[in-house]
Amino acid sequence: MEVIIAGYEPKTVFELEQMVSNLGHEVIASAFTGDSAIKITRKLKPDLVLVDLNLQGEMKGVDAGKKITEDMNVPVIYITVFTKNCLTKSLQLPDDAVTVSKPIKQDHLKFAISNIMSKK
């Protein structure tokens, strides 16, 4: 499976790249802003995008993720420091949004990927 990662911190993006690779998937690109995540997704058409809710630039991760899902029909997993219940209410995440909380553990990421791909 081809994956794009959009994150705020290079260290977090690098750690996610390692985990995704360890799970047998290929990271085809990474981005640090919402705009670049959207452009790269539109160009490369990945199977999955991991989006940190905190991105560089003006666009927040939730907005980038919603645009990617709605416009390109690419599944998105949201990376956050909060629990999903907080996010669904405060950020208007869809009820069926898949999230992974920081610090990210590989088995949690594996479960999230399996969960979101079963919905596809």
PDB file of N, CA and C in Angstrom:
ATOM      1  N   MET A   1       0.842  -1.164   0.000  1.00  0.00           N
ATOM      2  CA  MET A   1       0.000   0.000   0.000  1.00  0.00           C
ATOM      3  C   MET A   1       0.896   1.239   0.000  1.00  0.00           C
ATOM      4  N   GLU A   2       0.504   2.240  -0.780  1.00  0.00           N
ATOM      5  CA  GLU A   2       1.255   3.492  -0.865  1.00  0.00           C
ATOM      6  C   GLU A   2       0.656   4.523   0.092  1.00  0.00           C
ATOM      7  N   VAL A   3       1.542   5.158   0.878  1.00  0.00           N
ATOM      8  CA  VAL A   3       1.119   6.051   1.949  1.00  0.00           C
ATOM      9  C   VAL A   3       1.831   7.396   1.841  1.00  0.00           C
ATOM     10  N   ILE A   4       1.079   8.463   2.127  1.00  0.00           N
ATOM     11  CA  ILE A   4       1.650   9.802   2.272  1.00  0.00           C
ATOM     12  C   ILE A   4       1.502  10.200   3.732  1.00  0.00           C
ATOM     13  N   ILE A   5       2.520  10.852   4.279  1.00  0.00           N
ATOM     14  CA  ILE A   5       2.488  11.304   5.663  1.00  0.00           C
ATOM     15  C   ILE A   5       2.589  12.823   5.683  1.00  0.00           C
ATOM     16  N   ALA A   6       1.659  13.466   6.397  1.00  0.00           N
ATOM     17  CA  ALA A   6       1.689  14.917   6.579  1.00  0.00           C
ATOM     18  C   ALA A   6       1.815  15.194   8.072  1.00  0.00           C
ATOM     19  N   GLY A   7       2.895  15.872   8.454  1.00  0.00           N
ATOM     20  CA  GLY A   7       3.125  16.135   9.865  1.00  0.00           C
ATOM     21  C   GLY A   7       3.767  17.482  10.102  1.00  0.00           C
ATOM     22  N   TYR A   8       3.825  17.870  11.351  1.00  0.00           N
ATOM     23  CA  TYR A   8       4.385  19.159  11.740  1.00  0.00           C
ATOM     24  C   TYR A   8       5.890  19.058  11.978  1.00  0.00           C
ATOM     25  N   GLU A   9       6.310  18.014  12.676  1.00  0.00           N
ATOM     26  CA  GLU A   9       7.711  17.869  13.058  1.00  0.00           C
ATOM     27  C   GLU A   9       8.402  16.807  12.209  1.00  0.00           C
ATOM     28  N   PRO A  10       9.561  17.135  11.658  1.00  0.00           N
ATOM     29  CA  PRO A  10      10.305  16.140  10.877  1.00  0.00           C
ATOM     30  C   PRO A  10      10.573  14.844  11.655  1.00  0.00           C
ATOM     31  N   LYS A  11      10.839  14.958  12.960  1.00  0.00           N
ATOM     32  CA  LYS A  11      11.108  13.759  13.765  1.00  0.00           C
ATOM     33  C   LYS A  11       9.903  12.823  13.778  1.00  0.00           C
ATOM     34  N   THR A  12       8.712  13.381  13.973  1.00  0.00           N
ATOM     35  CA  THR A  12       7.496  12.570  13.990  1.00  0.00           C
ATOM     36  C   THR A  12       7.244  11.934  12.633  1.00  0.00           C
ATOM     37  N   VAL A  13       7.444  12.708  11.565  1.00  0.00           N
ATOM     38  CA  VAL A  13       7.262  12.178  10.209  1.00  0.00           C
ATOM     39  C   VAL A  13       8.230  11.026   9.969  1.00  0.00           C
ATOM     40  N   PHE A  14       9.489  11.200  10.373  1.00  0.00           N
ATOM     41  CA  PHE A  14      10.487  10.144  10.199  1.00  0.00           C
ATOM     42  C   PHE A  14      10.081   8.883  10.962  1.00  0.00           C
ATOM     43  N   GLU A  15       9.626   9.046  12.215  1.00  0.00           N
ATOM     44  CA  GLU A  15       9.196   7.891  13.007  1.00  0.00           C
ATOM     45  C   GLU A  15       8.012   7.179  12.349  1.00  0.00           C
ATOM     46  N   LEU A  16       7.063   7.950  11.832  1.00  0.00           N
ATOM     47  CA  LEU A  16       5.924   7.351  11.134  1.00  0.00           C
ATOM     48  C   LEU A  16       6.372   6.619   9.875  1.00  0.00           C
ATOM     49  N   GLU A  17       7.307   7.208   9.143  1.00  0.00           N
ATOM     50  CA  GLU A  17       7.832   6.542   7.938  1.00  0.00           C
ATOM     51  C   GLU A  17       8.411   5.176   8.301  1.00  0.00           C
ATOM     52  N   GLN A  18       9.164   5.116   9.394  1.00  0.00           N
ATOM     53  CA  GLN A  18       9.768   3.854   9.826  1.00  0.00           C
ATOM     54  C   GLN A  18       8.693   2.834  10.186  1.00  0.00           C
ATOM     55  N   MET A  19       7.680   3.274  10.935  1.00  0.00           N
ATOM     56  CA  MET A  19       6.606   2.359  11.334  1.00  0.00           C
ATOM     57  C   MET A  19       5.832   1.844  10.130  1.00  0.00           C
ATOM     58  N   VAL A  20       5.490   2.742   9.212  1.00  0.00           N
ATOM     59  CA  VAL A  20       4.750   2.351   8.004  1.00  0.00           C
ATOM     60  C   VAL A  20       5.557   1.334   7.207  1.00  0.00           C
ATOM     61  N   SER A  21       6.854   1.585   7.064  1.00  0.00           N
ATOM     62  CA  SER A  21       7.730   0.647   6.342  1.00  0.00           C
ATOM     63  C   SER A  21       7.808  -0.690   7.067  1.00  0.00           C
ATOM     64  N   ASN A  22       7.928  -0.656   8.394  1.00  0.00           N
ATOM     65  CA  ASN A  22       7.985  -1.894   9.178  1.00  0.00           C
ATOM     66  C   ASN A  22       6.708  -2.718   9.029  1.00  0.00           C
ATOM     67  N   LEU A  23       5.595  -2.044   8.757  1.00  0.00           N
ATOM     68  CA  LEU A  23       4.321  -2.745   8.573  1.00  0.00           C
ATOM     69  C   LEU A  23       4.136  -3.250   7.140  1.00  0.00           C
ATOM     70  N   GLY A  24       5.154  -3.016   6.293  1.00  0.00           N
ATOM     71  CA  GLY A  24       5.116  -3.553   4.941  1.00  0.00           C
ATOM     72  C   GLY A  24       4.510  -2.636   3.892  1.00  0.00           C
ATOM     73  N   HIS A  25       4.342  -1.357   4.229  1.00  0.00           N
ATOM     74  CA  HIS A  25       3.781  -0.398   3.290  1.00  0.00           C
ATOM     75  C   HIS A  25       4.882   0.550   2.812  1.00  0.00           C
ATOM     76  N   GLU A  26       4.602   1.271   1.741  1.00  0.00           N
ATOM     77  CA  GLU A  26       5.592   2.168   1.150  1.00  0.00           C
ATOM     78  C   GLU A  26       5.173   3.622   1.332  1.00  0.00           C
ATOM     79  N   VAL A  27       6.052   4.397   1.958  1.00  0.00           N
ATOM     80  CA  VAL A  27       5.824   5.835   2.069  1.00  0.00           C
ATOM     81  C   VAL A  27       6.321   6.463   0.776  1.00  0.00           C
ATOM     82  N   ILE A  28       5.391   7.074   0.017  1.00  0.00           N
ATOM     83  CA  ILE A  28       5.768   7.624  -1.290  1.00  0.00           C
ATOM     84  C   ILE A  28       6.041   9.119  -1.228  1.00  0.00           C
ATOM     85  N   ALA A  29       5.642   9.780  -0.142  1.00  0.00           N
ATOM     86  CA  ALA A  29       5.923  11.209   0.002  1.00  0.00           C
ATOM     87  C   ALA A  29       5.564  11.648   1.408  1.00  0.00           C
ATOM     88  N   SER A  30       6.118  12.804   1.784  1.00  0.00           N
ATOM     89  CA  SER A  30       5.725  13.421   3.049  1.00  0.00           C
ATOM     90  C   SER A  30       5.535  14.913   2.817  1.00  0.00           C
ATOM     91  N   ALA A  31       4.761  15.530   3.714  1.00  0.00           N
ATOM     92  CA  ALA A  31       4.444  16.955   3.603  1.00  0.00           C
ATOM     93  C   ALA A  31       4.405  17.547   5.006  1.00  0.00           C
ATOM     94  N   PHE A  32       4.554  18.869   5.082  1.00  0.00           N
ATOM     95  CA  PHE A  32       4.535  19.531   6.376  1.00  0.00           C
ATOM     96  C   PHE A  32       3.447  20.593   6.470  1.00  0.00           C
ATOM     97  N   THR A  33       2.767  20.880   5.362  1.00  0.00           N
ATOM     98  CA  THR A  33       1.649  21.823   5.375  1.00  0.00           C
ATOM     99  C   THR A  33       0.419  21.138   4.787  1.00  0.00           C
ATOM    100  N   GLY A  34      -0.740  21.665   5.126  1.00  0.00           N
ATOM    101  CA  GLY A  34      -1.973  21.112   4.581  1.00  0.00           C
ATOM    102  C   GLY A  34      -2.050  21.260   3.076  1.00  0.00           C
ATOM    103  N   ASP A  35      -1.657  22.442   2.585  1.00  0.00           N
ATOM    104  CA  ASP A  35      -1.697  22.679   1.135  1.00  0.00           C
ATOM    105  C   ASP A  35      -0.820  21.686   0.380  1.00  0.00           C
ATOM    106  N   SER A  36       0.386  21.464   0.881  1.00  0.00           N
ATOM    107  CA  SER A  36       1.276  20.531   0.173  1.00  0.00           C
ATOM    108  C   SER A  36       0.761  19.096   0.286  1.00  0.00           C
ATOM    109  N   ALA A  37       0.151  18.738   1.411  1.00  0.00           N
ATOM    110  CA  ALA A  37      -0.418  17.399   1.546  1.00  0.00           C
ATOM    111  C   ALA A  37      -1.514  17.175   0.509  1.00  0.00           C
ATOM    112  N   ILE A  38      -2.350  18.171   0.321  1.00  0.00           N
ATOM    113  CA  ILE A  38      -3.437  18.070  -0.662  1.00  0.00           C
ATOM    114  C   ILE A  38      -2.870  17.959  -2.073  1.00  0.00           C
ATOM    115  N   LYS A  39      -1.903  18.807  -2.412  1.00  0.00           N
ATOM    116  CA  LYS A  39      -1.308  18.785  -3.760  1.00  0.00           C
ATOM    117  C   LYS A  39      -0.625  17.458  -4.037  1.00  0.00           C
ATOM    118  N   ILE A  40       0.156  16.967  -3.078  1.00  0.00           N
ATOM    119  CA  ILE A  40       0.872  15.703  -3.269  1.00  0.00           C
ATOM    120  C   ILE A  40      -0.114  14.541  -3.395  1.00  0.00           C
ATOM    121  N   THR A  41      -1.163  14.566  -2.586  1.00  0.00           N
ATOM    122  CA  THR A  41      -2.174  13.499  -2.661  1.00  0.00           C
ATOM    123  C   THR A  41      -2.862  13.513  -4.014  1.00  0.00           C
ATOM    124  N   ARG A  42      -3.215  14.693  -4.480  1.00  0.00           N
ATOM    125  CA  ARG A  42      -3.878  14.811  -5.786  1.00  0.00           C
ATOM    126  C   ARG A  42      -2.966  14.267  -6.894  1.00  0.00           C
ATOM    127  N   LYS A  43      -1.672  14.551  -6.797  1.00  0.00           N
ATOM    128  CA  LYS A  43      -0.723  14.139  -7.841  1.00  0.00           C
ATOM    129  C   LYS A  43      -0.402  12.642  -7.781  1.00  0.00           C
ATOM    130  N   LEU A  44      -0.157  12.113  -6.576  1.00  0.00           N
ATOM    131  CA  LEU A  44       0.343  10.742  -6.451  1.00  0.00           C
ATOM    132  C   LEU A  44      -0.738   9.683  -6.226  1.00  0.00           C
ATOM    133  N   LYS A  45      -1.939  10.113  -5.811  1.00  0.00           N
ATOM    134  CA  LYS A  45      -3.064   9.193  -5.591  1.00  0.00           C
ATOM    135  C   LYS A  45      -2.684   7.984  -4.726  1.00  0.00           C
ATOM    136  N   PRO A  46      -2.321   8.233  -3.464  1.00  0.00           N
ATOM    137  CA  PRO A  46      -1.936   7.126  -2.576  1.00  0.00           C
ATOM    138  C   PRO A  46      -3.150   6.318  -2.131  1.00  0.00           C
ATOM    139  N   ASP A  47      -2.877   5.216  -1.455  1.00  0.00           N
ATOM    140  CA  ASP A  47      -3.943   4.394  -0.885  1.00  0.00           C
ATOM    141  C   ASP A  47      -4.405   4.931   0.466  1.00  0.00           C
ATOM    142  N   LEU A  48      -3.529   5.705   1.139  1.00  0.00           N
ATOM    143  CA  LEU A  48      -3.795   6.175   2.490  1.00  0.00           C
ATOM    144  C   LEU A  48      -2.955   7.419   2.776  1.00  0.00           C
ATOM    145  N   VAL A  49      -3.517   8.336   3.585  1.00  0.00           N
ATOM    146  CA  VAL A  49      -2.766   9.505   4.036  1.00  0.00           C
ATOM    147  C   VAL A  49      -2.851   9.573   5.555  1.00  0.00           C
ATOM    148  N   LEU A  50      -1.703   9.732   6.202  1.00  0.00           N
ATOM    149  CA  LEU A  50      -1.639   9.972   7.637  1.00  0.00           C
ATOM    150  C   LEU A  50      -1.454  11.472   7.827  1.00  0.00           C
ATOM    151  N   VAL A  51      -2.365  12.117   8.571  1.00  0.00           N
ATOM    152  CA  VAL A  51      -2.330  13.569   8.735  1.00  0.00           C
ATOM    153  C   VAL A  51      -2.290  13.928  10.209  1.00  0.00           C
ATOM    154  N   ASP A  52      -1.238  14.628  10.609  1.00  0.00           N
ATOM    155  CA  ASP A  52      -1.166  15.162  11.960  1.00  0.00           C
ATOM    156  C   ASP A  52      -2.133  16.339  12.034  1.00  0.00           C
ATOM    157  N   LEU A  53      -2.882  16.448  13.105  1.00  0.00           N
ATOM    158  CA  LEU A  53      -3.818  17.567  13.235  1.00  0.00           C
ATOM    159  C   LEU A  53      -3.089  18.891  13.346  1.00  0.00           C
ATOM    160  N   ASN A  54      -1.838  18.852  13.767  1.00  0.00           N
ATOM    161  CA  ASN A  54      -1.029  20.058  13.863  1.00  0.00           C
ATOM    162  C   ASN A  54      -0.043  20.077  12.697  1.00  0.00           C
ATOM    163  N   LEU A  55      -0.286  20.950  11.729  1.00  0.00           N
ATOM    164  CA  LEU A  55       0.595  21.073  10.566  1.00  0.00           C
ATOM    165  C   LEU A  55       1.212  22.469  10.532  1.00  0.00           C
ATOM    166  N   GLN A  56       2.279  22.601   9.803  1.00  0.00           N
ATOM    167  CA  GLN A  56       2.859  23.922   9.582  1.00  0.00           C
ATOM    168  C   GLN A  56       1.947  24.696   8.632  1.00  0.00           C
ATOM    169  N   GLY A  57       2.039  26.012   8.656  1.00  0.00           N
ATOM    170  CA  GLY A  57       1.206  26.827   7.776  1.00  0.00           C
ATOM    171  C   GLY A  57      -0.143  27.107   8.404  1.00  0.00           C
ATOM    172  N   GLU A  58      -1.011  27.736   7.632  1.00  0.00           N
ATOM    173  CA  GLU A  58      -2.300  28.183   8.151  1.00  0.00           C
ATOM    174  C   GLU A  58      -3.356  27.079   8.209  1.00  0.00           C
ATOM    175  N   MET A  59      -3.306  26.131   7.293  1.00  0.00           N
ATOM    176  CA  MET A  59      -4.331  25.081   7.254  1.00  0.00           C
ATOM    177  C   MET A  59      -4.066  24.032   8.327  1.00  0.00           C
ATOM    178  N   LYS A  60      -5.083  23.707   9.071  1.00  0.00           N
ATOM    179  CA  LYS A  60      -4.988  22.664  10.095  1.00  0.00           C
ATOM    180  C   LYS A  60      -5.135  21.286   9.454  1.00  0.00           C
ATOM    181  N   GLY A  61      -4.644  20.289  10.157  1.00  0.00           N
ATOM    182  CA  GLY A  61      -4.692  18.929   9.650  1.00  0.00           C
ATOM    183  C   GLY A  61      -6.096  18.410   9.416  1.00  0.00           C
ATOM    184  N   VAL A  62      -7.039  18.800  10.292  1.00  0.00           N
ATOM    185  CA  VAL A  62      -8.409  18.322  10.113  1.00  0.00           C
ATOM    186  C   VAL A  62      -8.987  18.841   8.806  1.00  0.00           C
ATOM    187  N   ASP A  63      -8.671  20.080   8.437  1.00  0.00           N
ATOM    188  CA  ASP A  63      -9.175  20.649   7.182  1.00  0.00           C
ATOM    189  C   ASP A  63      -8.530  19.970   5.969  1.00  0.00           C
ATOM    190  N   ALA A  64      -7.234  19.720   6.063  1.00  0.00           N
ATOM    191  CA  ALA A  64      -6.545  19.023   4.966  1.00  0.00           C
ATOM    192  C   ALA A  64      -7.097  17.612   4.811  1.00  0.00           C
ATOM    193  N   GLY A  65      -7.272  16.924   5.926  1.00  0.00           N
ATOM    194  CA  GLY A  65      -7.797  15.562   5.884  1.00  0.00           C
ATOM    195  C   GLY A  65      -9.191  15.484   5.296  1.00  0.00           C
ATOM    196  N   LYS A  66     -10.054  16.413   5.701  1.00  0.00           N
ATOM    197  CA  LYS A  66     -11.421  16.430   5.157  1.00  0.00           C
ATOM    198  C   LYS A  66     -11.404  16.666   3.654  1.00  0.00           C
ATOM    199  N   LYS A  67     -10.567  17.583   3.207  1.00  0.00           N
ATOM    200  CA  LYS A  67     -10.483  17.886   1.774  1.00  0.00           C
ATOM    201  C   LYS A  67      -9.974  16.666   0.994  1.00  0.00           C
ATOM    202  N   ILE A  68      -8.961  16.008   1.534  1.00  0.00           N
ATOM    203  CA  ILE A  68      -8.407  14.816   0.877  1.00  0.00           C
ATOM    204  C   ILE A  68      -9.476  13.725   0.773  1.00  0.00           C
ATOM    205  N   THR A  69     -10.201  13.506   1.844  1.00  0.00           N
ATOM    206  CA  THR A  69     -11.240  12.465   1.844  1.00  0.00           C
ATOM    207  C   THR A  69     -12.387  12.824   0.906  1.00  0.00           C
ATOM    208  N   GLU A  70     -12.866  14.059   1.009  1.00  0.00           N
ATOM    209  CA  GLU A  70     -14.032  14.469   0.219  1.00  0.00           C
ATOM    210  C   GLU A  70     -13.709  14.629  -1.266  1.00  0.00           C
ATOM    211  N   ASP A  71     -12.610  15.289  -1.586  1.00  0.00           N
ATOM    212  CA  ASP A  71     -12.285  15.590  -2.983  1.00  0.00           C
ATOM    213  C   ASP A  71     -11.650  14.421  -3.727  1.00  0.00           C
ATOM    214  N   MET A  72     -10.862  13.618  -3.020  1.00  0.00           N
ATOM    215  CA  MET A  72     -10.098  12.572  -3.706  1.00  0.00           C
ATOM    216  C   MET A  72     -10.470  11.170  -3.265  1.00  0.00           C
ATOM    217  N   ASN A  73     -11.374  11.062  -2.285  1.00  0.00           N
ATOM    218  CA  ASN A  73     -11.820   9.765  -1.787  1.00  0.00           C
ATOM    219  C   ASN A  73     -10.663   8.882  -1.322  1.00  0.00           C
ATOM    220  N   VAL A  74      -9.664   9.505  -0.684  1.00  0.00           N
ATOM    221  CA  VAL A  74      -8.527   8.777  -0.136  1.00  0.00           C
ATOM    222  C   VAL A  74      -8.723   8.716   1.379  1.00  0.00           C
ATOM    223  N   PRO A  75      -8.621   7.540   1.978  1.00  0.00           N
ATOM    224  CA  PRO A  75      -8.789   7.438   3.426  1.00  0.00           C
ATOM    225  C   PRO A  75      -7.688   8.178   4.181  1.00  0.00           C
ATOM    226  N   VAL A  76      -8.061   8.763   5.323  1.00  0.00           N
ATOM    227  CA  VAL A  76      -7.142   9.538   6.142  1.00  0.00           C
ATOM    228  C   VAL A  76      -7.184   9.017   7.571  1.00  0.00           C
ATOM    229  N   ILE A  77      -6.005   8.841   8.154  1.00  0.00           N
ATOM    230  CA  ILE A  77      -5.877   8.573   9.584  1.00  0.00           C
ATOM    231  C   ILE A  77      -5.310   9.839  10.205  1.00  0.00           C
ATOM    232  N   TYR A  78      -5.990  10.330  11.245  1.00  0.00           N
ATOM    233  CA  TYR A  78      -5.565  11.554  11.925  1.00  0.00           C
ATOM    234  C   TYR A  78      -4.649  11.209  13.098  1.00  0.00           C
ATOM    235  N   ILE A  79      -3.536  11.922  13.184  1.00  0.00           N
ATOM    236  CA  ILE A  79      -2.568  11.750  14.260  1.00  0.00           C
ATOM    237  C   ILE A  79      -2.752  12.914  15.236  1.00  0.00           C
ATOM    238  N   THR A  80      -2.854  12.610  16.526  1.00  0.00           N
ATOM    239  CA  THR A  80      -3.176  13.653  17.497  1.00  0.00           C
ATOM    240  C   THR A  80      -2.639  13.331  18.881  1.00  0.00           C
ATOM    241  N   VAL A  81      -2.617  14.346  19.727  1.00  0.00           N
ATOM    242  CA  VAL A  81      -2.273  14.128  21.130  1.00  0.00           C
ATOM    243  C   VAL A  81      -3.532  13.978  21.974  1.00  0.00           C
ATOM    244  N   PHE A  82      -4.689  14.193  21.370  1.00  0.00           N
ATOM    245  CA  PHE A  82      -5.954  14.136  22.089  1.00  0.00           C
ATOM    246  C   PHE A  82      -6.663  12.809  21.847  1.00  0.00           C
ATOM    247  N   THR A  83      -7.704  12.552  22.630  1.00  0.00           N
ATOM    248  CA  THR A  83      -8.526  11.374  22.389  1.00  0.00           C
ATOM    249  C   THR A  83      -9.574  11.711  21.343  1.00  0.00           C
ATOM    250  N   LYS A  84     -10.096  10.703  20.698  1.00  0.00           N
ATOM    251  CA  LYS A  84     -11.065  10.927  19.622  1.00  0.00           C
ATOM    252  C   LYS A  84     -12.321  11.629  20.113  1.00  0.00           C
ATOM    253  N   ASN A  85     -12.782  11.328  21.309  1.00  0.00           N
ATOM    254  CA  ASN A  85     -13.993  11.972  21.813  1.00  0.00           C
ATOM    255  C   ASN A  85     -13.838  13.484  21.863  1.00  0.00           C
ATOM    256  N   CYS A  86     -12.691  13.963  22.292  1.00  0.00           N
ATOM    257  CA  CYS A  86     -12.430  15.412  22.328  1.00  0.00           C
ATOM    258  C   CYS A  86     -12.434  15.979  20.917  1.00  0.00           C
ATOM    259  N   LEU A  87     -11.850  15.264  20.008  1.00  0.00           N
ATOM    260  CA  LEU A  87     -11.708  15.766  18.637  1.00  0.00           C
ATOM    261  C   LEU A  87     -13.026  15.818  17.895  1.00  0.00           C
ATOM    262  N   THR A  88     -13.837  14.806  18.053  1.00  0.00           N
ATOM    263  CA  THR A  88     -15.095  14.743  17.317  1.00  0.00           C
ATOM    264  C   THR A  88     -15.954  15.956  17.652  1.00  0.00           C
ATOM    265  N   LYS A  89     -15.964  16.342  18.901  1.00  0.00           N
ATOM    266  CA  LYS A  89     -16.781  17.476  19.315  1.00  0.00           C
ATOM    267  C   LYS A  89     -16.125  18.813  18.983  1.00  0.00           C
ATOM    268  N   SER A  90     -14.852  18.984  19.324  1.00  0.00           N
ATOM    269  CA  SER A  90     -14.227  20.292  19.181  1.00  0.00           C
ATOM    270  C   SER A  90     -13.816  20.622  17.744  1.00  0.00           C
ATOM    271  N   LEU A  91     -13.453  19.641  16.969  1.00  0.00           N
ATOM    272  CA  LEU A  91     -12.947  19.907  15.616  1.00  0.00           C
ATOM    273  C   LEU A  91     -13.887  19.435  14.517  1.00  0.00           C
ATOM    274  N   GLN A  92     -15.030  18.932  14.886  1.00  0.00           N
ATOM    275  CA  GLN A  92     -16.002  18.414  13.933  1.00  0.00           C
ATOM    276  C   GLN A  92     -15.420  17.315  13.041  1.00  0.00           C
ATOM    277  N   LEU A  93     -14.641  16.443  13.642  1.00  0.00           N
ATOM    278  CA  LEU A  93     -14.191  15.260  12.910  1.00  0.00           C
ATOM    279  C   LEU A  93     -15.404  14.384  12.641  1.00  0.00           C
ATOM    280  N   PRO A  94     -15.433  13.705  11.513  1.00  0.00           N
ATOM    281  CA  PRO A  94     -16.538  12.781  11.251  1.00  0.00           C
ATOM    282  C   PRO A  94     -16.590  11.706  12.336  1.00  0.00           C
ATOM    283  N   ASP A  95     -17.782  11.218  12.615  1.00  0.00           N
ATOM    284  CA  ASP A  95     -17.938  10.180  13.636  1.00  0.00           C
ATOM    285  C   ASP A  95     -17.125   8.930  13.309  1.00  0.00           C
ATOM    286  N   ASP A  96     -16.939   8.665  12.030  1.00  0.00           N
ATOM    287  CA  ASP A  96     -16.210   7.459  11.635  1.00  0.00           C
ATOM    288  C   ASP A  96     -14.716   7.715  11.394  1.00  0.00           C
ATOM    289  N   ALA A  97     -14.215   8.892  11.796  1.00  0.00           N
ATOM    290  CA  ALA A  97     -12.794   9.209  11.614  1.00  0.00           C
ATOM    291  C   ALA A  97     -11.942   8.232  12.418  1.00  0.00           C
ATOM    292  N   VAL A  98     -10.805   7.856  11.836  1.00  0.00           N
ATOM    293  CA  VAL A  98      -9.860   6.979  12.510  1.00  0.00           C
ATOM    294  C   VAL A  98      -8.711   7.848  13.006  1.00  0.00           C
ATOM    295  N   THR A  99      -8.389   7.712  14.302  1.00  0.00           N
ATOM    296  CA  THR A  99      -7.322   8.513  14.896  1.00  0.00           C
ATOM    297  C   THR A  99      -6.307   7.612  15.577  1.00  0.00           C
ATOM    298  N   VAL A 100      -5.082   8.123  15.679  1.00  0.00           N
ATOM    299  CA  VAL A 100      -4.022   7.477  16.442  1.00  0.00           C
ATOM    300  C   VAL A 100      -3.427   8.556  17.341  1.00  0.00           C
ATOM    301  N   SER A 101      -3.337   8.248  18.623  1.00  0.00           N
ATOM    302  CA  SER A 101      -2.828   9.225  19.587  1.00  0.00           C
ATOM    303  C   SER A 101      -1.318   9.117  19.753  1.00  0.00           C
ATOM    304  N   LYS A 102      -0.696  10.280  19.972  1.00  0.00           N
ATOM    305  CA  LYS A 102       0.733  10.324  20.282  1.00  0.00           C
ATOM    306  C   LYS A 102       0.915  10.029  21.761  1.00  0.00           C
ATOM    307  N   PRO A 103       1.990   9.426  22.177  1.00  0.00           N
ATOM    308  CA  PRO A 103       3.048   8.889  21.326  1.00  0.00           C
ATOM    309  C   PRO A 103       2.537   7.666  20.557  1.00  0.00           C
ATOM    310  N   ILE A 104       2.892   7.616  19.308  1.00  0.00           N
ATOM    311  CA  ILE A 104       2.374   6.591  18.409  1.00  0.00           C
ATOM    312  C   ILE A 104       3.094   5.272  18.647  1.00  0.00           C
ATOM    313  N   LYS A 105       2.303   4.235  18.770  1.00  0.00           N
ATOM    314  CA  LYS A 105       2.853   2.889  18.901  1.00  0.00           C
ATOM    315  C   LYS A 105       2.541   2.138  17.618  1.00  0.00           C
ATOM    316  N   GLN A 106       3.487   1.318  17.185  1.00  0.00           N
ATOM    317  CA  GLN A 106       3.331   0.619  15.903  1.00  0.00           C
ATOM    318  C   GLN A 106       2.096  -0.267  15.878  1.00  0.00           C
ATOM    319  N   ASP A 107       1.789  -0.945  16.992  1.00  0.00           N
ATOM    320  CA  ASP A 107       0.604  -1.815  16.980  1.00  0.00           C
ATOM    321  C   ASP A 107      -0.682  -0.993  16.888  1.00  0.00           C
ATOM    322  N   HIS A 108      -0.704   0.221  17.453  1.00  0.00           N
ATOM    323  CA  HIS A 108      -1.881   1.090  17.316  1.00  0.00           C
ATOM    324  C   HIS A 108      -2.032   1.554  15.871  1.00  0.00           C
ATOM    325  N   LEU A 109      -0.909   1.885  15.243  1.00  0.00           N
ATOM    326  CA  LEU A 109      -0.940   2.295  13.844  1.00  0.00           C
ATOM    327  C   LEU A 109      -1.420   1.145  12.957  1.00  0.00           C
ATOM    328  N   LYS A 110      -0.926  -0.049  13.228  1.00  0.00           N
ATOM    329  CA  LYS A 110      -1.344  -1.230  12.458  1.00  0.00           C
ATOM    330  C   LYS A 110      -2.852  -1.439  12.574  1.00  0.00           C
ATOM    331  N   PHE A 111      -3.389  -1.325  13.790  1.00  0.00           N
ATOM    332  CA  PHE A 111      -4.820  -1.478  14.003  1.00  0.00           C
ATOM    333  C   PHE A 111      -5.598  -0.397  13.253  1.00  0.00           C
ATOM    334  N   ALA A 112      -5.124   0.858  13.308  1.00  0.00           N
ATOM    335  CA  ALA A 112      -5.810   1.963  12.632  1.00  0.00           C
ATOM    336  C   ALA A 112      -5.825   1.751  11.122  1.00  0.00           C
ATOM    337  N   ILE A 113      -4.704   1.308  10.562  1.00  0.00           N
ATOM    338  CA  ILE A 113      -4.637   1.054   9.118  1.00  0.00           C
ATOM    339  C   ILE A 113      -5.613  -0.065   8.743  1.00  0.00           C
ATOM    340  N   SER A 114      -5.615  -1.127   9.504  1.00  0.00           N
ATOM    341  CA  SER A 114      -6.532  -2.234   9.244  1.00  0.00           C
ATOM    342  C   SER A 114      -7.988  -1.765   9.341  1.00  0.00           C
ATOM    343  N   ASN A 115      -8.268  -0.958  10.346  1.00  0.00           N
ATOM    344  CA  ASN A 115      -9.611  -0.439  10.568  1.00  0.00           C
ATOM    345  C   ASN A 115     -10.071   0.422   9.397  1.00  0.00           C
ATOM    346  N   ILE A 116      -9.248   1.351   8.971  1.00  0.00           N
ATOM    347  CA  ILE A 116      -9.681   2.271   7.909  1.00  0.00           C
ATOM    348  C   ILE A 116      -9.757   1.571   6.557  1.00  0.00           C
ATOM    349  N   MET A 117      -8.885   0.624   6.314  1.00  0.00           N
ATOM    350  CA  MET A 117      -8.920  -0.053   5.017  1.00  0.00           C
ATOM    351  C   MET A 117     -10.110  -1.011   4.929  1.00  0.00           C
ATOM    352  N   SER A 118     -10.602  -1.481   6.064  1.00  0.00           N
ATOM    353  CA  SER A 118     -11.786  -2.348   6.039  1.00  0.00           C
ATOM    354  C   SER A 118     -13.043  -1.547   5.712  1.00  0.00           C
ATOM    355  N   LYS A 119     -13.000  -0.217   5.894  1.00  0.00           N
ATOM    356  CA  LYS A 119     -14.129   0.642   5.576  1.00  0.00           C
ATOM    357  C   LYS A 119     -14.164   1.022   4.109  1.00  0.00           C
ATOM    358  N   LYS A 120     -13.044   0.857   3.432  1.00  0.00           N
ATOM    359  CA  LYS A 120     -12.911   1.316   2.042  1.00  0.00           C
ATOM    360  C   LYS A 120     -13.749   0.499   1.104  1.00  0.00           C
TER     361      LYS A 120
END
